[in-house]
Amino acid sequence: MRVVALLVLACACQGPLASDAEVCRDVVRRLCSSRCAVADAKLGLTMNSDCNMQLTTAAGCEVDSFTFEGAGTNRNDFLSCRLPIIRTGDHIDQVPACEDVEDMFRGCPSMAQFYGGPP
């Protein structure tokens, strides 16, 4: 009975789902704020790159109408791939550890191609 009560409480505390564009841009925000060497290498970023613009443009999520389906990606798979970079916290301003960024790319190499990295 306690388990059911905890599940109900957990579900009641969740807000509305973030849009696909917001989720996509959240990953960009986290990658750009971390500026880990592995992300820069995987995504072809340089010190002079406008990280945010380069990644959102490559993914197509600079527009609010972006959808993962339209980008040929499954939302649930994307959310699963994103898990390592929200390990330290899911707050919007949380900067992921470089080890977590590396784990994301190791577990989901498709994330680099999604954000415009070389194949």
PDB file of N, CA and C in Angstrom:
ATOM      1  N   MET A   1       0.821  -1.198   0.000  1.00  0.00           N
ATOM      2  CA  MET A   1       0.000   0.000   0.000  1.00  0.00           C
ATOM      3  C   MET A   1       0.859   1.253   0.000  1.00  0.00           C
ATOM      4  N   ARG A   2       1.960   1.233   0.763  1.00  0.00           N
ATOM      5  CA  ARG A   2       2.848   2.398   0.801  1.00  0.00           C
ATOM      6  C   ARG A   2       3.459   2.673  -0.571  1.00  0.00           C
ATOM      7  N   VAL A   3       3.795   1.596  -1.271  1.00  0.00           N
ATOM      8  CA  VAL A   3       4.390   1.749  -2.602  1.00  0.00           C
ATOM      9  C   VAL A   3       3.418   2.460  -3.528  1.00  0.00           C
ATOM     10  N   VAL A   4       2.163   2.065  -3.490  1.00  0.00           N
ATOM     11  CA  VAL A   4       1.145   2.704  -4.331  1.00  0.00           C
ATOM     12  C   VAL A   4       1.019   4.173  -3.971  1.00  0.00           C
ATOM     13  N   ALA A   5       1.001   4.480  -2.685  1.00  0.00           N
ATOM     14  CA  ALA A   5       0.889   5.868  -2.242  1.00  0.00           C
ATOM     15  C   ALA A   5       2.085   6.692  -2.718  1.00  0.00           C
ATOM     16  N   LEU A   6       3.283   6.111  -2.653  1.00  0.00           N
ATOM     17  CA  LEU A   6       4.477   6.822  -3.115  1.00  0.00           C
ATOM     18  C   LEU A   6       4.431   7.058  -4.616  1.00  0.00           C
ATOM     19  N   LEU A   7       3.944   6.066  -5.369  1.00  0.00           N
ATOM     20  CA  LEU A   7       3.831   6.235  -6.822  1.00  0.00           C
ATOM     21  C   LEU A   7       2.839   7.331  -7.173  1.00  0.00           C
ATOM     22  N   VAL A   8       1.714   7.355  -6.487  1.00  0.00           N
ATOM     23  CA  VAL A   8       0.706   8.392  -6.733  1.00  0.00           C
ATOM     24  C   VAL A   8       1.287   9.761  -6.410  1.00  0.00           C
ATOM     25  N   LEU A   9       1.988   9.868  -5.297  1.00  0.00           N
ATOM     26  CA  LEU A   9       2.587  11.133  -4.897  1.00  0.00           C
ATOM     27  C   LEU A   9       3.644  11.572  -5.904  1.00  0.00           C
ATOM     28  N   ALA A  10       4.468  10.648  -6.360  1.00  0.00           N
ATOM     29  CA  ALA A  10       5.514  10.980  -7.333  1.00  0.00           C
ATOM     30  C   ALA A  10       4.902  11.470  -8.635  1.00  0.00           C
ATOM     31  N   CYS A  11       3.859  10.809  -9.075  1.00  0.00           N
ATOM     32  CA  CYS A  11       3.211  11.225 -10.327  1.00  0.00           C
ATOM     33  C   CYS A  11       2.517  12.571 -10.174  1.00  0.00           C
ATOM     34  N   ALA A  12       1.960  12.829  -9.007  1.00  0.00           N
ATOM     35  CA  ALA A  12       1.248  14.088  -8.779  1.00  0.00           C
ATOM     36  C   ALA A  12       2.198  15.272  -8.762  1.00  0.00           C
ATOM     37  N   CYS A  13       3.470  15.024  -8.445  1.00  0.00           N
ATOM     38  CA  CYS A  13       4.431  16.113  -8.354  1.00  0.00           C
ATOM     39  C   CYS A  13       5.044  16.475  -9.700  1.00  0.00           C
ATOM     40  N   GLN A  14       4.790  15.695 -10.700  1.00  0.00           N
ATOM     41  CA  GLN A  14       5.355  15.976 -12.014  1.00  0.00           C
ATOM     42  C   GLN A  14       4.504  17.022 -12.721  1.00  0.00           C
ATOM     43  N   GLY A  15       5.178  17.906 -13.413  1.00  0.00           N
ATOM     44  CA  GLY A  15       4.472  18.900 -14.194  1.00  0.00           C
ATOM     45  C   GLY A  15       4.203  18.363 -15.585  1.00  0.00           C
ATOM     46  N   PRO A  16       3.796  19.243 -16.483  1.00  0.00           N
ATOM     47  CA  PRO A  16       3.546  18.807 -17.857  1.00  0.00           C
ATOM     48  C   PRO A  16       4.861  18.391 -18.525  1.00  0.00           C
ATOM     49  N   LEU A  17       4.749  17.509 -19.480  1.00  0.00           N
ATOM     50  CA  LEU A  17       5.920  17.072 -20.225  1.00  0.00           C
ATOM     51  C   LEU A  17       6.548  18.246 -20.953  1.00  0.00           C
ATOM     52  N   ALA A  18       7.868  18.280 -20.957  1.00  0.00           N
ATOM     53  CA  ALA A  18       8.572  19.300 -21.739  1.00  0.00           C
ATOM     54  C   ALA A  18       8.393  18.963 -23.211  1.00  0.00           C
ATOM     55  N   SER A  19       8.344  19.980 -24.031  1.00  0.00           N
ATOM     56  CA  SER A  19       8.220  19.740 -25.471  1.00  0.00           C
ATOM     57  C   SER A  19       9.506  19.113 -25.990  1.00  0.00           C
ATOM     58  N   ASP A  20       9.429  18.511 -27.165  1.00  0.00           N
ATOM     59  CA  ASP A  20      10.622  17.924 -27.779  1.00  0.00           C
ATOM     60  C   ASP A  20      11.700  18.982 -27.977  1.00  0.00           C
ATOM     61  N   ALA A  21      11.302  20.170 -28.395  1.00  0.00           N
ATOM     62  CA  ALA A  21      12.279  21.246 -28.607  1.00  0.00           C
ATOM     63  C   ALA A  21      12.966  21.612 -27.299  1.00  0.00           C
ATOM     64  N   GLU A  22      12.206  21.682 -26.202  1.00  0.00           N
ATOM     65  CA  GLU A  22      12.794  22.024 -24.906  1.00  0.00           C
ATOM     66  C   GLU A  22      13.768  20.957 -24.433  1.00  0.00           C
ATOM     67  N   VAL A  23      13.431  19.688 -24.640  1.00  0.00           N
ATOM     68  CA  VAL A  23      14.315  18.592 -24.235  1.00  0.00           C
ATOM     69  C   VAL A  23      15.599  18.632 -25.058  1.00  0.00           C
ATOM     70  N   CYS A  24      15.457  18.819 -26.350  1.00  0.00           N
ATOM     71  CA  CYS A  24      16.616  18.898 -27.243  1.00  0.00           C
ATOM     72  C   CYS A  24      17.522  20.063 -26.852  1.00  0.00           C
ATOM     73  N   ARG A  25      16.929  21.216 -26.585  1.00  0.00           N
ATOM     74  CA  ARG A  25      17.717  22.397 -26.201  1.00  0.00           C
ATOM     75  C   ARG A  25      18.315  22.257 -24.807  1.00  0.00           C
ATOM     76  N   ASP A  26      17.663  21.488 -23.936  1.00  0.00           N
ATOM     77  CA  ASP A  26      18.225  21.245 -22.611  1.00  0.00           C
ATOM     78  C   ASP A  26      19.550  20.494 -22.724  1.00  0.00           C
ATOM     79  N   VAL A  27      19.611  19.508 -23.596  1.00  0.00           N
ATOM     80  CA  VAL A  27      20.864  18.780 -23.805  1.00  0.00           C
ATOM     81  C   VAL A  27      21.917  19.724 -24.366  1.00  0.00           C
ATOM     82  N   VAL A  28      21.536  20.583 -25.293  1.00  0.00           N
ATOM     83  CA  VAL A  28      22.472  21.575 -25.844  1.00  0.00           C
ATOM     84  C   VAL A  28      23.001  22.465 -24.736  1.00  0.00           C
ATOM     85  N   ARG A  29      22.117  22.965 -23.910  1.00  0.00           N
ATOM     86  CA  ARG A  29      22.502  23.852 -22.808  1.00  0.00           C
ATOM     87  C   ARG A  29      23.517  23.158 -21.889  1.00  0.00           C
ATOM     88  N   ARG A  30      23.251  21.903 -21.574  1.00  0.00           N
ATOM     89  CA  ARG A  30      24.145  21.151 -20.696  1.00  0.00           C
ATOM     90  C   ARG A  30      25.498  20.897 -21.358  1.00  0.00           C
ATOM     91  N   LEU A  31      25.479  20.509 -22.628  1.00  0.00           N
ATOM     92  CA  LEU A  31      26.743  20.258 -23.332  1.00  0.00           C
ATOM     93  C   LEU A  31      27.557  21.540 -23.474  1.00  0.00           C
ATOM     94  N   CYS A  32      26.890  22.627 -23.807  1.00  0.00           N
ATOM     95  CA  CYS A  32      27.602  23.892 -24.011  1.00  0.00           C
ATOM     96  C   CYS A  32      28.109  24.475 -22.699  1.00  0.00           C
ATOM     97  N   SER A  33      27.397  24.255 -21.618  1.00  0.00           N
ATOM     98  CA  SER A  33      27.871  24.780 -20.336  1.00  0.00           C
ATOM     99  C   SER A  33      29.036  23.957 -19.803  1.00  0.00           C
ATOM    100  N   SER A  34      29.077  22.685 -20.134  1.00  0.00           N
ATOM    101  CA  SER A  34      30.174  21.837 -19.646  1.00  0.00           C
ATOM    102  C   SER A  34      31.449  22.040 -20.466  1.00  0.00           C
ATOM    103  N   ARG A  35      31.294  22.227 -21.778  1.00  0.00           N
ATOM    104  CA  ARG A  35      32.423  22.382 -22.709  1.00  0.00           C
ATOM    105  C   ARG A  35      33.530  21.376 -22.405  1.00  0.00           C
ATOM    106  N   CYS A  36      33.134  20.124 -22.280  1.00  0.00           N
ATOM    107  CA  CYS A  36      34.075  19.035 -22.054  1.00  0.00           C
ATOM    108  C   CYS A  36      34.801  18.710 -23.351  1.00  0.00           C
ATOM    109  N   ALA A  37      36.041  18.330 -23.221  1.00  0.00           N
ATOM    110  CA  ALA A  37      36.854  18.016 -24.396  1.00  0.00           C
ATOM    111  C   ALA A  37      36.216  16.923 -25.244  1.00  0.00           C
ATOM    112  N   VAL A  38      35.623  15.931 -24.606  1.00  0.00           N
ATOM    113  CA  VAL A  38      35.010  14.845 -25.367  1.00  0.00           C
ATOM    114  C   VAL A  38      33.837  15.362 -26.201  1.00  0.00           C
ATOM    115  N   ALA A  39      33.042  16.261 -25.657  1.00  0.00           N
ATOM    116  CA  ALA A  39      31.917  16.822 -26.413  1.00  0.00           C
ATOM    117  C   ALA A  39      32.424  17.681 -27.561  1.00  0.00           C
ATOM    118  N   ASP A  40      33.416  18.517 -27.287  1.00  0.00           N
ATOM    119  CA  ASP A  40      33.964  19.361 -28.351  1.00  0.00           C
ATOM    120  C   ASP A  40      34.492  18.500 -29.493  1.00  0.00           C
ATOM    121  N   ALA A  41      35.196  17.423 -29.161  1.00  0.00           N
ATOM    122  CA  ALA A  41      35.764  16.546 -30.188  1.00  0.00           C
ATOM    123  C   ALA A  41      34.657  15.814 -30.957  1.00  0.00           C
ATOM    124  N   LYS A  42      33.694  15.273 -30.244  1.00  0.00           N
ATOM    125  CA  LYS A  42      32.608  14.511 -30.889  1.00  0.00           C
ATOM    126  C   LYS A  42      31.716  15.395 -31.752  1.00  0.00           C
ATOM    127  N   LEU A  43      31.588  16.671 -31.377  1.00  0.00           N
ATOM    128  CA  LEU A  43      30.660  17.562 -32.057  1.00  0.00           C
ATOM    129  C   LEU A  43      31.347  18.550 -32.995  1.00  0.00           C
ATOM    130  N   GLY A  44      32.656  18.482 -33.093  1.00  0.00           N
ATOM    131  CA  GLY A  44      33.382  19.374 -33.986  1.00  0.00           C
ATOM    132  C   GLY A  44      33.364  20.820 -33.530  1.00  0.00           C
ATOM    133  N   LEU A  45      33.356  21.032 -32.224  1.00  0.00           N
ATOM    134  CA  LEU A  45      33.335  22.394 -31.683  1.00  0.00           C
ATOM    135  C   LEU A  45      34.755  22.898 -31.463  1.00  0.00           C
ATOM    136  N   THR A  46      34.925  24.184 -31.644  1.00  0.00           N
ATOM    137  CA  THR A  46      36.204  24.826 -31.349  1.00  0.00           C
ATOM    138  C   THR A  46      35.967  25.888 -30.286  1.00  0.00           C
ATOM    139  N   MET A  47      37.046  26.482 -29.808  1.00  0.00           N
ATOM    140  CA  MET A  47      36.909  27.559 -28.810  1.00  0.00           C
ATOM    141  C   MET A  47      36.102  28.726 -29.364  1.00  0.00           C
ATOM    142  N   ASN A  48      36.134  28.914 -30.680  1.00  0.00           N
ATOM    143  CA  ASN A  48      35.429  30.032 -31.305  1.00  0.00           C
ATOM    144  C   ASN A  48      34.010  29.681 -31.737  1.00  0.00           C
ATOM    145  N   SER A  49      33.615  28.435 -31.545  1.00  0.00           N
ATOM    146  CA  SER A  49      32.271  28.011 -31.955  1.00  0.00           C
ATOM    147  C   SER A  49      31.210  28.662 -31.086  1.00  0.00           C
ATOM    148  N   ASP A  50      30.093  29.007 -31.711  1.00  0.00           N
ATOM    149  CA  ASP A  50      28.901  29.382 -30.953  1.00  0.00           C
ATOM    150  C   ASP A  50      28.187  28.065 -30.691  1.00  0.00           C
ATOM    151  N   CYS A  51      28.545  27.433 -29.593  1.00  0.00           N
ATOM    152  CA  CYS A  51      28.084  26.090 -29.273  1.00  0.00           C
ATOM    153  C   CYS A  51      26.567  25.968 -29.371  1.00  0.00           C
ATOM    154  N   ASN A  52      25.853  26.843 -28.709  1.00  0.00           N
ATOM    155  CA  ASN A  52      24.399  26.783 -28.677  1.00  0.00           C
ATOM    156  C   ASN A  52      23.810  26.845 -30.081  1.00  0.00           C
ATOM    157  N   MET A  53      24.235  27.817 -30.856  1.00  0.00           N
ATOM    158  CA  MET A  53      23.695  27.972 -32.203  1.00  0.00           C
ATOM    159  C   MET A  53      24.069  26.776 -33.084  1.00  0.00           C
ATOM    160  N   GLN A  54      25.305  26.327 -33.004  1.00  0.00           N
ATOM    161  CA  GLN A  54      25.761  25.227 -33.845  1.00  0.00           C
ATOM    162  C   GLN A  54      24.969  23.945 -33.563  1.00  0.00           C
ATOM    163  N   LEU A  55      24.771  23.632 -32.293  1.00  0.00           N
ATOM    164  CA  LEU A  55      24.098  22.378 -31.955  1.00  0.00           C
ATOM    165  C   LEU A  55      22.597  22.429 -32.185  1.00  0.00           C
ATOM    166  N   THR A  56      21.953  23.537 -31.828  1.00  0.00           N
ATOM    167  CA  THR A  56      20.502  23.613 -32.059  1.00  0.00           C
ATOM    168  C   THR A  56      20.185  23.640 -33.546  1.00  0.00           C
ATOM    169  N   THR A  57      21.019  24.309 -34.323  1.00  0.00           N
ATOM    170  CA  THR A  57      20.805  24.353 -35.769  1.00  0.00           C
ATOM    171  C   THR A  57      21.015  22.978 -36.385  1.00  0.00           C
ATOM    172  N   ALA A  58      22.077  22.283 -35.975  1.00  0.00           N
ATOM    173  CA  ALA A  58      22.358  20.955 -36.516  1.00  0.00           C
ATOM    174  C   ALA A  58      21.228  19.980 -36.201  1.00  0.00           C
ATOM    175  N   ALA A  59      20.677  20.073 -34.999  1.00  0.00           N
ATOM    176  CA  ALA A  59      19.592  19.175 -34.595  1.00  0.00           C
ATOM    177  C   ALA A  59      18.243  19.635 -35.132  1.00  0.00           C
ATOM    178  N   GLY A  60      18.117  20.922 -35.433  1.00  0.00           N
ATOM    179  CA  GLY A  60      16.851  21.471 -35.910  1.00  0.00           C
ATOM    180  C   GLY A  60      15.921  21.901 -34.796  1.00  0.00           C
ATOM    181  N   CYS A  61      16.406  21.937 -33.558  1.00  0.00           N
ATOM    182  CA  CYS A  61      15.510  22.242 -32.436  1.00  0.00           C
ATOM    183  C   CYS A  61      15.541  23.710 -32.024  1.00  0.00           C
ATOM    184  N   GLU A  62      16.032  24.559 -32.888  1.00  0.00           N
ATOM    185  CA  GLU A  62      15.989  25.990 -32.585  1.00  0.00           C
ATOM    186  C   GLU A  62      14.572  26.531 -32.729  1.00  0.00           C
ATOM    187  N   VAL A  63      13.700  25.783 -33.388  1.00  0.00           N
ATOM    188  CA  VAL A  63      12.306  26.199 -33.561  1.00  0.00           C
ATOM    189  C   VAL A  63      11.416  25.419 -32.596  1.00  0.00           C
ATOM    190  N   ASP A  64      10.402  26.074 -32.077  1.00  0.00           N
ATOM    191  CA  ASP A  64       9.519  25.443 -31.089  1.00  0.00           C
ATOM    192  C   ASP A  64       8.709  24.291 -31.665  1.00  0.00           C
ATOM    193  N   SER A  65       8.550  24.241 -32.972  1.00  0.00           N
ATOM    194  CA  SER A  65       7.753  23.177 -33.599  1.00  0.00           C
ATOM    195  C   SER A  65       8.559  21.889 -33.812  1.00  0.00           C
ATOM    196  N   PHE A  66       9.824  21.874 -33.392  1.00  0.00           N
ATOM    197  CA  PHE A  66      10.666  20.681 -33.538  1.00  0.00           C
ATOM    198  C   PHE A  66      10.024  19.479 -32.860  1.00  0.00           C
ATOM    199  N   THR A  67      10.113  18.327 -33.518  1.00  0.00           N
ATOM    200  CA  THR A  67       9.698  17.064 -32.908  1.00  0.00           C
ATOM    201  C   THR A  67      10.775  16.018 -33.168  1.00  0.00           C
ATOM    202  N   PHE A  68      10.941  15.113 -32.219  1.00  0.00           N
ATOM    203  CA  PHE A  68      11.907  14.028 -32.416  1.00  0.00           C
ATOM    204  C   PHE A  68      11.477  13.153 -33.587  1.00  0.00           C
ATOM    205  N   GLU A  69      10.177  12.919 -33.694  1.00  0.00           N
ATOM    206  CA  GLU A  69       9.676  12.098 -34.800  1.00  0.00           C
ATOM    207  C   GLU A  69      10.045  12.712 -36.139  1.00  0.00           C
ATOM    208  N   GLY A  70       9.866  14.011 -36.254  1.00  0.00           N
ATOM    209  CA  GLY A  70      10.225  14.712 -37.492  1.00  0.00           C
ATOM    210  C   GLY A  70      11.719  14.667 -37.775  1.00  0.00           C
ATOM    211  N   ALA A  71      12.521  14.523 -36.715  1.00  0.00           N
ATOM    212  CA  ALA A  71      13.972  14.451 -36.861  1.00  0.00           C
ATOM    213  C   ALA A  71      14.443  13.004 -37.020  1.00  0.00           C
ATOM    214  N   GLY A  72      13.486  12.071 -37.072  1.00  0.00           N
ATOM    215  CA  GLY A  72      13.845  10.669 -37.245  1.00  0.00           C
ATOM    216  C   GLY A  72      14.393  10.011 -35.994  1.00  0.00           C
ATOM    217  N   THR A  73      14.018  10.541 -34.831  1.00  0.00           N
ATOM    218  CA  THR A  73      14.511  10.023 -33.557  1.00  0.00           C
ATOM    219  C   THR A  73      13.336   9.692 -32.657  1.00  0.00           C
ATOM    220  N   ASN A  74      13.486   8.680 -31.842  1.00  0.00           N
ATOM    221  CA  ASN A  74      12.461   8.288 -30.898  1.00  0.00           C
ATOM    222  C   ASN A  74      12.662   9.067 -29.595  1.00  0.00           C
ATOM    223  N   ARG A  75      11.629   9.729 -29.115  1.00  0.00           N
ATOM    224  CA  ARG A  75      11.729  10.548 -27.893  1.00  0.00           C
ATOM    225  C   ARG A  75      12.186   9.724 -26.689  1.00  0.00           C
ATOM    226  N   ASN A  76      11.610   8.544 -26.502  1.00  0.00           N
ATOM    227  CA  ASN A  76      11.980   7.728 -25.344  1.00  0.00           C
ATOM    228  C   ASN A  76      13.443   7.308 -25.411  1.00  0.00           C
ATOM    229  N   ASP A  77      13.930   6.965 -26.602  1.00  0.00           N
ATOM    230  CA  ASP A  77      15.343   6.618 -26.748  1.00  0.00           C
ATOM    231  C   ASP A  77      16.221   7.822 -26.422  1.00  0.00           C
ATOM    232  N   PHE A  78      15.813   8.996 -26.899  1.00  0.00           N
ATOM    233  CA  PHE A  78      16.572  10.219 -26.648  1.00  0.00           C
ATOM    234  C   PHE A  78      16.628  10.506 -25.149  1.00  0.00           C
ATOM    235  N   LEU A  79      15.483  10.397 -24.477  1.00  0.00           N
ATOM    236  CA  LEU A  79      15.436  10.638 -23.029  1.00  0.00           C
ATOM    237  C   LEU A  79      16.322   9.647 -22.286  1.00  0.00           C
ATOM    238  N   SER A  80      16.330   8.418 -22.749  1.00  0.00           N
ATOM    239  CA  SER A  80      17.187   7.411 -22.133  1.00  0.00           C
ATOM    240  C   SER A  80      18.668   7.759 -22.327  1.00  0.00           C
ATOM    241  N   CYS A  81      19.013   8.212 -23.517  1.00  0.00           N
ATOM    242  CA  CYS A  81      20.399   8.603 -23.792  1.00  0.00           C
ATOM    243  C   CYS A  81      20.825   9.798 -22.955  1.00  0.00           C
ATOM    244  N   ARG A  82      19.897  10.654 -22.634  1.00  0.00           N
ATOM    245  CA  ARG A  82      20.160  11.885 -21.885  1.00  0.00           C
ATOM    246  C   ARG A  82      20.418  11.627 -20.399  1.00  0.00           C
ATOM    247  N   LEU A  83      20.022  10.488 -19.891  1.00  0.00           N
ATOM    248  CA  LEU A  83      20.122  10.199 -18.459  1.00  0.00           C
ATOM    249  C   LEU A  83      21.496  10.447 -17.841  1.00  0.00           C
ATOM    250  N   PRO A  84      22.606  10.048 -18.474  1.00  0.00           N
ATOM    251  CA  PRO A  84      23.900  10.293 -17.824  1.00  0.00           C
ATOM    252  C   PRO A  84      24.193  11.768 -17.537  1.00  0.00           C
ATOM    253  N   ILE A  85      23.721  12.667 -18.388  1.00  0.00           N
ATOM    254  CA  ILE A  85      24.067  14.079 -18.164  1.00  0.00           C
ATOM    255  C   ILE A  85      23.123  14.781 -17.193  1.00  0.00           C
ATOM    256  N   ILE A  86      22.125  14.065 -16.704  1.00  0.00           N
ATOM    257  CA  ILE A  86      21.281  14.645 -15.654  1.00  0.00           C
ATOM    258  C   ILE A  86      21.469  13.894 -14.336  1.00  0.00           C
ATOM    259  N   ARG A  87      22.509  13.064 -14.287  1.00  0.00           N
ATOM    260  CA  ARG A  87      22.820  12.297 -13.068  1.00  0.00           C
ATOM    261  C   ARG A  87      23.020  13.198 -11.859  1.00  0.00           C
ATOM    262  N   THR A  88      23.745  14.289 -12.051  1.00  0.00           N
ATOM    263  CA  THR A  88      24.059  15.164 -10.917  1.00  0.00           C
ATOM    264  C   THR A  88      22.904  16.089 -10.565  1.00  0.00           C
ATOM    265  N   GLY A  89      21.878  16.116 -11.388  1.00  0.00           N
ATOM    266  CA  GLY A  89      20.708  16.933 -11.113  1.00  0.00           C
ATOM    267  C   GLY A  89      19.973  17.281 -12.385  1.00  0.00           C
ATOM    268  N   ASP A  90      18.660  17.385 -12.274  1.00  0.00           N
ATOM    269  CA  ASP A  90      17.871  17.697 -13.465  1.00  0.00           C
ATOM    270  C   ASP A  90      17.454  19.166 -13.530  1.00  0.00           C
ATOM    271  N   HIS A  91      17.972  19.984 -12.609  1.00  0.00           N
ATOM    272  CA  HIS A  91      17.678  21.420 -12.657  1.00  0.00           C
ATOM    273  C   HIS A  91      18.244  21.994 -13.949  1.00  0.00           C
ATOM    274  N   ILE A  92      17.560  22.922 -14.531  1.00  0.00           N
ATOM    275  CA  ILE A  92      17.923  23.476 -15.835  1.00  0.00           C
ATOM    276  C   ILE A  92      19.334  24.075 -15.877  1.00  0.00           C
ATOM    277  N   ASP A  93      19.831  24.567 -14.745  1.00  0.00           N
ATOM    278  CA  ASP A  93      21.166  25.179 -14.719  1.00  0.00           C
ATOM    279  C   ASP A  93      22.267  24.212 -14.284  1.00  0.00           C
ATOM    280  N   GLN A  94      21.919  22.953 -14.091  1.00  0.00           N
ATOM    281  CA  GLN A  94      22.901  21.964 -13.642  1.00  0.00           C
ATOM    282  C   GLN A  94      23.895  21.666 -14.772  1.00  0.00           C
ATOM    283  N   VAL A  95      25.171  21.753 -14.457  1.00  0.00           N
ATOM    284  CA  VAL A  95      26.236  21.461 -15.426  1.00  0.00           C
ATOM    285  C   VAL A  95      26.696  20.024 -15.197  1.00  0.00           C
ATOM    286  N   PRO A  96      26.645  19.195 -16.234  1.00  0.00           N
ATOM    287  CA  PRO A  96      27.056  17.800 -16.044  1.00  0.00           C
ATOM    288  C   PRO A  96      28.572  17.665 -15.908  1.00  0.00           C
ATOM    289  N   ALA A  97      28.986  16.644 -15.201  1.00  0.00           N
ATOM    290  CA  ALA A  97      30.407  16.322 -15.099  1.00  0.00           C
ATOM    291  C   ALA A  97      30.870  15.769 -16.450  1.00  0.00           C
ATOM    292  N   CYS A  98      32.120  16.011 -16.787  1.00  0.00           N
ATOM    293  CA  CYS A  98      32.645  15.538 -18.069  1.00  0.00           C
ATOM    294  C   CYS A  98      32.580  14.017 -18.181  1.00  0.00           C
ATOM    295  N   GLU A  99      32.714  13.316 -17.063  1.00  0.00           N
ATOM    296  CA  GLU A  99      32.590  11.854 -17.080  1.00  0.00           C
ATOM    297  C   GLU A  99      31.184  11.444 -17.514  1.00  0.00           C
ATOM    298  N   ASP A 100      30.184  12.211 -17.087  1.00  0.00           N
ATOM    299  CA  ASP A 100      28.804  11.909 -17.461  1.00  0.00           C
ATOM    300  C   ASP A 100      28.562  12.203 -18.945  1.00  0.00           C
ATOM    301  N   VAL A 101      29.154  13.274 -19.449  1.00  0.00           N
ATOM    302  CA  VAL A 101      29.054  13.588 -20.877  1.00  0.00           C
ATOM    303  C   VAL A 101      29.690  12.458 -21.689  1.00  0.00           C
ATOM    304  N   GLU A 102      30.842  12.013 -21.244  1.00  0.00           N
ATOM    305  CA  GLU A 102      31.525  10.909 -21.925  1.00  0.00           C
ATOM    306  C   GLU A 102      30.666   9.643 -21.886  1.00  0.00           C
ATOM    307  N   ASP A 103      30.032   9.370 -20.751  1.00  0.00           N
ATOM    308  CA  ASP A 103      29.142   8.214 -20.641  1.00  0.00           C
ATOM    309  C   ASP A 103      27.976   8.310 -21.616  1.00  0.00           C
ATOM    310  N   MET A 104      27.434   9.507 -21.782  1.00  0.00           N
ATOM    311  CA  MET A 104      26.322   9.686 -22.708  1.00  0.00           C
ATOM    312  C   MET A 104      26.750   9.312 -24.129  1.00  0.00           C
ATOM    313  N   PHE A 105      27.885   9.836 -24.564  1.00  0.00           N
ATOM    314  CA  PHE A 105      28.347   9.545 -25.920  1.00  0.00           C
ATOM    315  C   PHE A 105      28.767   8.084 -26.080  1.00  0.00           C
ATOM    316  N   ARG A 106      29.321   7.504 -25.037  1.00  0.00           N
ATOM    317  CA  ARG A 106      29.729   6.101 -25.098  1.00  0.00           C
ATOM    318  C   ARG A 106      28.495   5.206 -25.216  1.00  0.00           C
ATOM    319  N   GLY A 107      27.471   5.494 -24.423  1.00  0.00           N
ATOM    320  CA  GLY A 107      26.250   4.685 -24.437  1.00  0.00           C
ATOM    321  C   GLY A 107      25.360   4.934 -25.635  1.00  0.00           C
ATOM    322  N   CYS A 108      25.440   6.134 -26.177  1.00  0.00           N
ATOM    323  CA  CYS A 108      24.587   6.523 -27.308  1.00  0.00           C
ATOM    324  C   CYS A 108      25.405   7.319 -28.323  1.00  0.00           C
ATOM    325  N   PRO A 109      26.227   6.643 -29.112  1.00  0.00           N
ATOM    326  CA  PRO A 109      27.038   7.365 -30.092  1.00  0.00           C
ATOM    327  C   PRO A 109      26.204   8.175 -31.086  1.00  0.00           C
ATOM    328  N   SER A 110      24.932   7.797 -31.243  1.00  0.00           N
ATOM    329  CA  SER A 110      24.051   8.516 -32.169  1.00  0.00           C
ATOM    330  C   SER A 110      23.808   9.951 -31.714  1.00  0.00           C
ATOM    331  N   MET A 111      24.015  10.250 -30.435  1.00  0.00           N
ATOM    332  CA  MET A 111      23.810  11.622 -29.945  1.00  0.00           C
ATOM    333  C   MET A 111      24.767  12.586 -30.639  1.00  0.00           C
ATOM    334  N   ALA A 112      25.984  12.136 -30.926  1.00  0.00           N
ATOM    335  CA  ALA A 112      26.947  13.010 -31.617  1.00  0.00           C
ATOM    336  C   ALA A 112      26.450  13.325 -33.023  1.00  0.00           C
ATOM    337  N   GLN A 113      25.977  12.338 -33.749  1.00  0.00           N
ATOM    338  CA  GLN A 113      25.466  12.597 -35.102  1.00  0.00           C
ATOM    339  C   GLN A 113      24.207  13.460 -35.061  1.00  0.00           C
ATOM    340  N   PHE A 114      23.360  13.235 -34.060  1.00  0.00           N
ATOM    341  CA  PHE A 114      22.136  14.014 -33.931  1.00  0.00           C
ATOM    342  C   PHE A 114      22.437  15.500 -33.826  1.00  0.00           C
ATOM    343  N   TYR A 115      23.511  15.830 -33.107  1.00  0.00           N
ATOM    344  CA  TYR A 115      23.883  17.231 -32.912  1.00  0.00           C
ATOM    345  C   TYR A 115      24.947  17.703 -33.908  1.00  0.00           C
ATOM    346  N   GLY A 116      25.071  16.998 -35.007  1.00  0.00           N
ATOM    347  CA  GLY A 116      25.913  17.494 -36.103  1.00  0.00           C
ATOM    348  C   GLY A 116      27.352  17.074 -36.084  1.00  0.00           C
ATOM    349  N   GLY A 117      27.715  16.141 -35.211  1.00  0.00           N
ATOM    350  CA  GLY A 117      29.093  15.656 -35.190  1.00  0.00           C
ATOM    351  C   GLY A 117      29.396  14.811 -36.416  1.00  0.00           C
ATOM    352  N   PRO A 118      30.649  14.627 -36.714  1.00  0.00           N
ATOM    353  CA  PRO A 118      31.009  13.830 -37.878  1.00  0.00           C
ATOM    354  C   PRO A 118      30.587  12.372 -37.694  1.00  0.00           C
ATOM    355  N   PRO A 119      30.212  11.708 -38.778  1.00  0.00           N
ATOM    356  CA  PRO A 119      29.762  10.291 -38.677  1.00  0.00           C
ATOM    357  C   PRO A 119      30.877   9.363 -38.253  1.00  0.00           C
TER     358      PRO A 119
END
